[in-house]
Amino acid sequence: MARVPWRHAANIEDAIDGLKTRGVQVLALEFTQTSSLLYDFEIKFPVALVAGNEAEGLEPEVMARCD
């Protein structure tokens, strides 16, 4: 069985900034008016996926930090 490594971050903004300084593409998994379809987006590895919760999703400030 394949596994996807994951990590919870107490401060998401710091986590995103740290990933980006290491050359990781950071993508927000969220549906908004300006969302791109996954199939139309060029994914570059290494990549990190940021997910919010089902009820509230991601805050606009968090999505603004993502690629």
Protein backbone atom coordinates (compact mmCIF):
# COMPACT_ATOMS: atom_id res chain seq x y z
CA MET A 1 0.00 0.00 0.00
CA ALA A 2 1.35 3.43 -0.96
CA ARG A 3 1.37 6.15 1.66
CA VAL A 4 1.46 9.92 1.34
CA PRO A 5 3.62 11.69 3.90
CA TRP A 6 1.75 14.43 5.73
CA ARG A 7 2.34 16.87 8.56
CA HIS A 8 0.13 19.07 10.71
CA ALA A 9 1.45 22.60 11.20
CA ALA A 10 0.56 24.77 14.17
CA ASN A 11 1.32 27.89 12.10
CA ILE A 12 0.38 27.31 8.47
CA GLU A 13 1.84 30.59 7.21
CA ASP A 14 5.30 29.73 8.59
CA ALA A 15 5.02 26.20 7.20
CA ILE A 16 4.17 27.47 3.71
CA ASP A 17 6.99 30.01 3.78
CA GLY A 18 9.45 27.32 4.90
CA LEU A 19 8.38 24.96 2.12
CA LYS A 20 8.65 27.66 -0.52
CA THR A 21 12.15 28.64 0.58
CA ARG A 22 13.12 24.98 0.03
CA GLY A 23 11.78 25.08 -3.53
CA VAL A 24 8.53 23.23 -2.88
CA GLN A 25 5.50 24.19 -4.94
CA VAL A 26 2.62 24.79 -2.49
CA LEU A 27 -0.92 24.25 -3.79
CA ALA A 28 -4.17 25.01 -1.98
CA LEU A 29 -6.94 22.42 -2.32
CA GLU A 30 -9.95 24.71 -2.34
CA PHE A 31 -12.86 25.51 -4.65
CA THR A 32 -13.38 29.23 -5.30
CA GLN A 33 -14.48 31.49 -8.16
CA THR A 34 -10.84 31.75 -9.30
CA SER A 35 -9.87 28.08 -8.85
CA SER A 36 -8.05 26.21 -11.61
CA LEU A 37 -8.91 22.65 -12.48
CA LEU A 38 -6.24 20.25 -11.32
CA TYR A 39 -5.98 18.85 -14.85
CA ASP A 40 -5.23 22.33 -16.24
CA PHE A 41 -2.53 23.15 -13.71
CA GLU A 42 1.17 22.43 -14.18
CA ILE A 43 2.31 20.56 -11.09
CA LYS A 44 6.02 20.78 -10.33
CA PHE A 45 7.68 18.43 -7.89
CA PRO A 46 8.36 18.54 -5.04
CA VAL A 47 4.83 19.65 -4.22
CA ALA A 48 2.88 20.24 -1.00
CA LEU A 49 -0.92 20.23 -0.88
CA VAL A 50 -2.63 22.45 1.70
CA ALA A 51 -6.12 21.36 2.74
CA GLY A 52 -8.60 23.06 5.03
CA ASN A 53 -11.48 21.48 6.85
CA GLU A 54 -14.82 20.54 5.30
CA ALA A 55 -16.83 23.29 6.98
CA GLU A 56 -14.62 26.37 6.70
CA GLY A 57 -12.01 25.52 4.06
CA LEU A 58 -8.87 27.64 3.88
CA GLU A 59 -8.58 31.26 4.97
CA PRO A 60 -7.95 33.79 2.16
CA GLU A 61 -4.60 34.71 3.73
CA VAL A 62 -3.46 31.09 3.52
CA MET A 63 -4.57 30.72 -0.10
CA ALA A 64 -2.74 33.94 -0.99
CA ARG A 65 0.54 32.39 0.22
CA CYS A 66 0.09 29.30 -1.94
CA ASP A 67 1.23 29.02 -5.55
